[in-house]
Amino acid sequence: YIMMTLKVLEHFGIKYKWENNIISIDHQEYQGWDYHIEADWSSASYWYEMVALSDEAELRIKGLRRKSIQGDSVVADLYRFFGVNTEYQEDGIILTKTNYRPDNFGFDFSDYPDIAQTAAVTAAALKIPMQLNGLHTLRIKETDRIHALQNELKKIGVNANVSEEASIEINFTEGKAENENKIDSDIEFETYSDHRMAMAFAPLALIYPEIRIKDPSVIKKSYPDYWSDM
C-alpha cells in the first residue's frame, strides 16, 4: 500500500526519496493531470475463485489491466495453478476455465497477504495440496486470519497445518471426515468480523449450495455490492 501511494503521488508530479526505512517528501506542488482509477484486484480474486470452482466459465471483469500498481494483480499468475486463464483486453479481462491442475505447489504471499485466504480456500476446495508462505501479517489483520482459516477449513474436512515460520500447509484428512454427513447441507462459516473471510468462503456455494455465511454485512468494508454481484 505504501508503494501504491507513492506511485499515485509520482503520477501527479511529486518526487520522493526512500532510503532504508525512511520516506522523505519535500514540499511540492501537485500537477493537475487526469488519472485512471484502477478496479480492485483484491476484490477480483473472489471472481477468480469462482471460475476455479466452476465446471466451465467465461467471465468478463471491467477496469482491470495488466500494468497495475496493485500487488494483488499477481492473482492472474497465481490462479493459473488453479486452472484459470486471464485474457487482457482494452477495457478489462476475460477469465476462462482450463484443465490445468498441479499435484501440489507453493506461493509466497509476503507482498500479497490480502489474497492468501482466497487461495487457501480455493486450494482446499479443489483438493490441491498447497504451501502458503509469508503469512506473518495475517495474525494482525481484522482477525487472526491464520487461526480463522484453520477453524473454518476443518468444516469441509481439510487440515491447515501452521508452522512457526508463518506458513500454512493445506492437506486433506484421511478416511471419512467427522462432518461428512453434514457437508452438503449444514455448514455455517464464521466470518470473525472480517470481510475477506466472508468473501473467500462464499464461492464454496458452487460446490456446497446450502452453506451459510454468518454476519454477511462485513463485506461492506471493501466490496459493499459483493452479494448482489454474486
Protein backbone atom coordinates (compact mmCIF):
# COMPACT_ATOMS: atom_id res chain seq x y z
CA TYR A 1 0.00 0.00 0.00
CA ILE A 2 2.92 2.34 0.62
CA MET A 3 4.30 1.68 -2.86
CA MET A 4 0.85 2.20 -4.41
CA THR A 5 0.54 5.55 -2.63
CA LEU A 6 3.97 6.67 -3.83
CA LYS A 7 3.12 5.65 -7.41
CA VAL A 8 0.00 7.82 -7.34
CA LEU A 9 1.97 10.75 -5.91
CA GLU A 10 4.55 10.26 -8.65
CA HIS A 11 1.84 10.44 -11.31
CA PHE A 12 0.88 13.89 -10.03
CA GLY A 13 4.46 15.12 -10.16
CA ILE A 14 5.52 14.53 -6.56
CA LYS A 15 9.07 13.26 -6.07
CA TYR A 16 10.15 11.26 -3.05
CA LYS A 17 13.17 9.52 -1.57
CA TRP A 18 13.01 6.11 0.09
CA GLU A 19 16.14 5.09 1.94
CA ASN A 20 16.14 2.14 4.33
CA ASN A 21 13.01 2.66 6.44
CA ILE A 22 12.58 6.40 5.81
CA ILE A 23 10.43 8.07 3.15
CA SER A 24 11.14 11.77 2.57
CA ILE A 25 8.84 14.07 0.59
CA ASP A 26 9.74 17.75 0.26
CA HIS A 27 7.12 20.47 -0.15
CA GLN A 28 5.98 20.39 -3.78
CA GLU A 29 3.03 21.37 -5.97
CA TYR A 30 0.66 18.79 -7.38
CA GLN A 31 0.17 18.75 -11.15
CA GLY A 32 -3.47 18.68 -12.28
CA TRP A 33 -3.32 15.68 -14.59
CA ASP A 34 -6.06 13.15 -15.32
CA TYR A 35 -5.78 9.83 -13.54
CA HIS A 36 -7.36 6.47 -14.32
CA ILE A 37 -8.51 4.78 -11.11
CA GLU A 38 -7.96 1.05 -11.43
CA ALA A 39 -10.52 -1.55 -10.48
CA ASP A 40 -9.59 -3.54 -7.38
CA TRP A 41 -7.55 -6.69 -7.97
CA SER A 42 -8.08 -7.86 -4.37
CA SER A 43 -11.83 -7.95 -4.95
CA ALA A 44 -11.29 -9.63 -8.31
CA SER A 45 -9.62 -12.54 -6.53
CA TYR A 46 -13.05 -13.85 -5.42
CA TRP A 47 -14.16 -13.99 -9.05
CA TYR A 48 -11.00 -15.91 -9.89
CA GLU A 49 -12.00 -18.32 -7.14
CA MET A 50 -15.49 -18.70 -8.58
CA VAL A 51 -14.10 -19.52 -12.00
CA ALA A 52 -11.69 -22.04 -10.45
CA LEU A 53 -14.56 -23.79 -8.67
CA SER A 54 -16.82 -23.83 -11.74
CA ASP A 55 -17.05 -26.69 -14.23
CA GLU A 56 -16.75 -24.15 -17.04
CA ALA A 57 -16.74 -20.37 -17.14
CA GLU A 58 -16.27 -17.27 -19.24
CA LEU A 59 -16.31 -14.18 -17.05
CA ARG A 60 -15.63 -10.58 -18.06
CA ILE A 61 -14.40 -8.06 -15.49
CA LYS A 62 -14.06 -4.42 -16.49
CA GLY A 63 -11.44 -1.97 -15.29
CA LEU A 64 -8.53 -4.35 -14.63
CA ARG A 65 -5.32 -4.08 -16.60
CA ARG A 66 -2.01 -5.87 -16.97
CA LYS A 67 0.18 -2.91 -15.95
CA SER A 68 -1.13 -2.32 -12.45
CA ILE A 69 0.34 -0.61 -9.40
CA GLN A 70 -1.51 -3.13 -7.20
CA GLY A 71 0.47 -6.02 -5.84
CA ASP A 72 -2.61 -8.24 -5.86
CA SER A 73 -2.61 -8.21 -9.66
CA VAL A 74 -0.36 -11.25 -9.18
CA VAL A 75 -3.62 -13.17 -8.75
CA ALA A 76 -3.68 -13.58 -12.54
CA ASP A 77 -0.44 -15.57 -12.41
CA LEU A 78 -1.31 -17.40 -9.20
CA TYR A 79 -4.63 -18.71 -10.49
CA ARG A 80 -3.06 -20.38 -13.49
CA PHE A 81 -2.27 -23.10 -10.94
CA PHE A 82 -6.00 -23.35 -10.19
CA GLY A 83 -6.99 -23.67 -13.84
CA VAL A 84 -7.95 -20.06 -14.58
CA ASN A 85 -6.70 -18.29 -17.72
CA THR A 86 -6.60 -14.48 -17.92
CA GLU A 87 -7.00 -12.72 -21.25
CA TYR A 88 -6.30 -8.98 -21.16
CA GLN A 89 -8.44 -6.66 -23.27
CA GLU A 90 -8.57 -2.89 -23.65
CA ASP A 91 -11.36 -2.43 -21.08
CA GLY A 92 -10.65 -5.31 -18.71
CA ILE A 93 -10.07 -9.05 -18.58
CA ILE A 94 -11.77 -12.30 -19.57
CA LEU A 95 -11.44 -15.31 -17.28
CA THR A 96 -11.90 -18.83 -18.60
CA LYS A 97 -11.55 -22.27 -17.05
CA THR A 98 -8.73 -24.59 -18.13
CA ASN A 99 -7.94 -28.19 -17.26
CA TYR A 100 -4.57 -27.42 -15.66
CA ARG A 101 -4.14 -28.88 -12.19
CA PRO A 102 -0.79 -29.26 -10.37
CA ASP A 103 -0.08 -32.13 -8.00
CA ASN A 104 0.97 -29.52 -5.41
CA PHE A 105 2.62 -26.10 -5.30
CA GLY A 106 3.76 -23.28 -3.04
CA PHE A 107 3.48 -19.50 -3.12
CA ASP A 108 4.95 -16.62 -1.10
CA PHE A 109 2.27 -14.13 0.00
CA SER A 110 4.61 -11.69 1.77
CA ASP A 111 3.70 -8.90 -0.68
CA TYR A 112 0.13 -10.10 -1.31
CA PRO A 113 -1.42 -11.03 2.06
CA ASP A 114 -4.95 -9.95 1.11
CA ILE A 115 -5.36 -12.80 -1.39
CA ALA A 116 -3.97 -15.54 0.87
CA GLN A 117 -7.40 -16.51 2.23
CA THR A 118 -8.85 -16.74 -1.26
CA ALA A 119 -6.03 -19.01 -2.41
CA ALA A 120 -6.24 -21.19 0.70
CA VAL A 121 -9.97 -21.79 0.27
CA THR A 122 -9.55 -22.45 -3.46
CA ALA A 123 -6.78 -25.00 -2.89
CA ALA A 124 -8.83 -26.69 -0.18
CA ALA A 125 -11.96 -26.88 -2.33
CA LEU A 126 -10.07 -28.28 -5.32
CA LYS A 127 -8.10 -30.64 -3.05
CA ILE A 128 -4.77 -29.35 -4.37
CA PRO A 129 -2.02 -29.59 -1.73
CA MET A 130 -0.53 -26.13 -1.26
CA GLN A 131 2.12 -24.44 0.87
CA LEU A 132 1.27 -20.79 1.63
CA ASN A 133 4.34 -18.90 2.83
CA GLY A 134 4.96 -15.31 4.01
CA LEU A 135 1.82 -15.06 6.15
CA HIS A 136 3.39 -13.19 9.10
CA THR A 137 0.98 -10.24 8.84
CA LEU A 138 -2.19 -12.35 8.74
CA ARG A 139 -2.39 -12.65 12.52
CA ILE A 140 -2.79 -8.88 12.93
CA LYS A 141 -5.44 -8.14 10.31
CA GLU A 142 -9.17 -7.70 11.03
CA THR A 143 -8.84 -11.03 12.82
CA ASP A 144 -6.17 -13.68 13.24
CA ARG A 145 -6.68 -14.93 9.71
CA ILE A 146 -4.43 -17.95 10.15
CA HIS A 147 -6.47 -19.19 13.12
CA ALA A 148 -9.72 -18.37 11.32
CA LEU A 149 -8.68 -20.34 8.22
CA GLN A 150 -7.73 -23.34 10.33
CA ASN A 151 -11.09 -23.35 12.07
CA GLU A 152 -13.29 -22.90 9.01
CA LEU A 153 -11.45 -25.24 6.63
CA LYS A 154 -11.99 -28.07 9.11
CA LYS A 155 -15.69 -27.76 8.31
CA ILE A 156 -15.05 -29.16 4.83
CA GLY A 157 -12.68 -31.82 6.15
CA VAL A 158 -9.43 -30.01 5.34
CA ASN A 159 -6.45 -29.64 7.66
CA ALA A 160 -4.46 -26.41 7.54
CA ASN A 161 -1.19 -27.04 9.34
CA VAL A 162 0.62 -23.94 10.60
CA SER A 163 4.37 -23.65 11.05
CA GLU A 164 6.30 -21.19 13.20
CA GLU A 165 7.68 -19.62 10.00
CA ALA A 166 4.25 -18.14 9.21
CA SER A 167 3.32 -20.79 6.68
CA ILE A 168 0.17 -22.82 6.13
CA GLU A 169 0.18 -26.25 4.56
CA ILE A 170 -3.12 -27.35 3.06
CA ASN A 171 -3.61 -31.09 3.11
CA PHE A 172 -6.52 -33.45 3.50
CA THR A 173 -7.88 -35.77 6.17
CA GLU A 174 -7.54 -39.46 5.61
CA GLY A 175 -10.69 -41.50 5.50
CA LYS A 176 -14.08 -40.16 6.46
CA ALA A 177 -14.30 -36.60 7.76
CA GLU A 178 -16.19 -36.22 11.02
CA ASN A 179 -18.71 -33.87 9.46
CA GLU A 180 -19.01 -35.66 6.14
CA ASN A 181 -22.70 -36.35 6.70
CA LYS A 182 -23.34 -32.60 7.03
CA ILE A 183 -21.04 -31.28 4.36
CA ASP A 184 -23.70 -30.77 1.67
CA SER A 185 -26.39 -29.10 3.71
CA ASP A 186 -25.38 -27.83 7.12
CA ILE A 187 -22.17 -25.81 7.03
CA GLU A 188 -22.14 -22.38 8.64
CA PHE A 189 -18.96 -20.36 8.27
CA GLU A 190 -17.91 -17.82 10.86
CA THR A 191 -16.54 -14.54 9.48
CA TYR A 192 -14.78 -13.18 12.61
CA SER A 193 -15.77 -9.57 11.70
CA ASP A 194 -13.50 -9.98 8.65
CA HIS A 195 -14.75 -9.03 5.20
CA ARG A 196 -12.22 -11.27 3.47
CA MET A 197 -13.28 -14.35 5.41
CA ALA A 198 -16.85 -13.85 4.19
CA MET A 199 -15.88 -13.27 0.56
CA ALA A 200 -13.30 -16.06 0.41
CA PHE A 201 -15.66 -18.73 1.75
CA ALA A 202 -18.82 -17.67 -0.12
CA PRO A 203 -17.74 -19.16 -3.51
CA LEU A 204 -17.86 -22.60 -1.87
CA ALA A 205 -21.59 -22.37 -2.59
CA LEU A 206 -20.66 -23.56 -6.10
CA ILE A 207 -19.75 -26.90 -4.51
CA TYR A 208 -21.92 -26.89 -1.37
CA PRO A 209 -25.08 -24.99 -2.41
CA GLU A 210 -26.64 -24.68 1.05
CA ILE A 211 -23.76 -23.20 3.04
CA ARG A 212 -24.42 -20.24 5.30
CA ILE A 213 -22.21 -17.20 5.94
CA LYS A 214 -22.57 -15.54 9.34
CA ASP A 215 -22.58 -11.74 9.65
CA PRO A 216 -22.64 -11.18 5.87
CA SER A 217 -22.66 -7.39 6.23
CA VAL A 218 -18.91 -7.40 6.99
CA ILE A 219 -18.24 -7.21 3.24
CA LYS A 220 -19.24 -3.52 3.23
CA LYS A 221 -15.71 -2.59 4.31
CA SER A 222 -14.22 -3.24 0.86
CA TYR A 223 -16.91 -4.57 -1.52
CA PRO A 224 -20.42 -3.47 -0.48
CA ASP A 225 -22.07 -4.85 -3.65
CA TYR A 226 -20.48 -8.29 -3.36
CA TRP A 227 -23.66 -10.22 -2.56
CA SER A 228 -25.73 -8.58 -5.29
CA ASP A 229 -22.90 -9.12 -7.78
CA MET A 230 -22.74 -12.81 -6.86
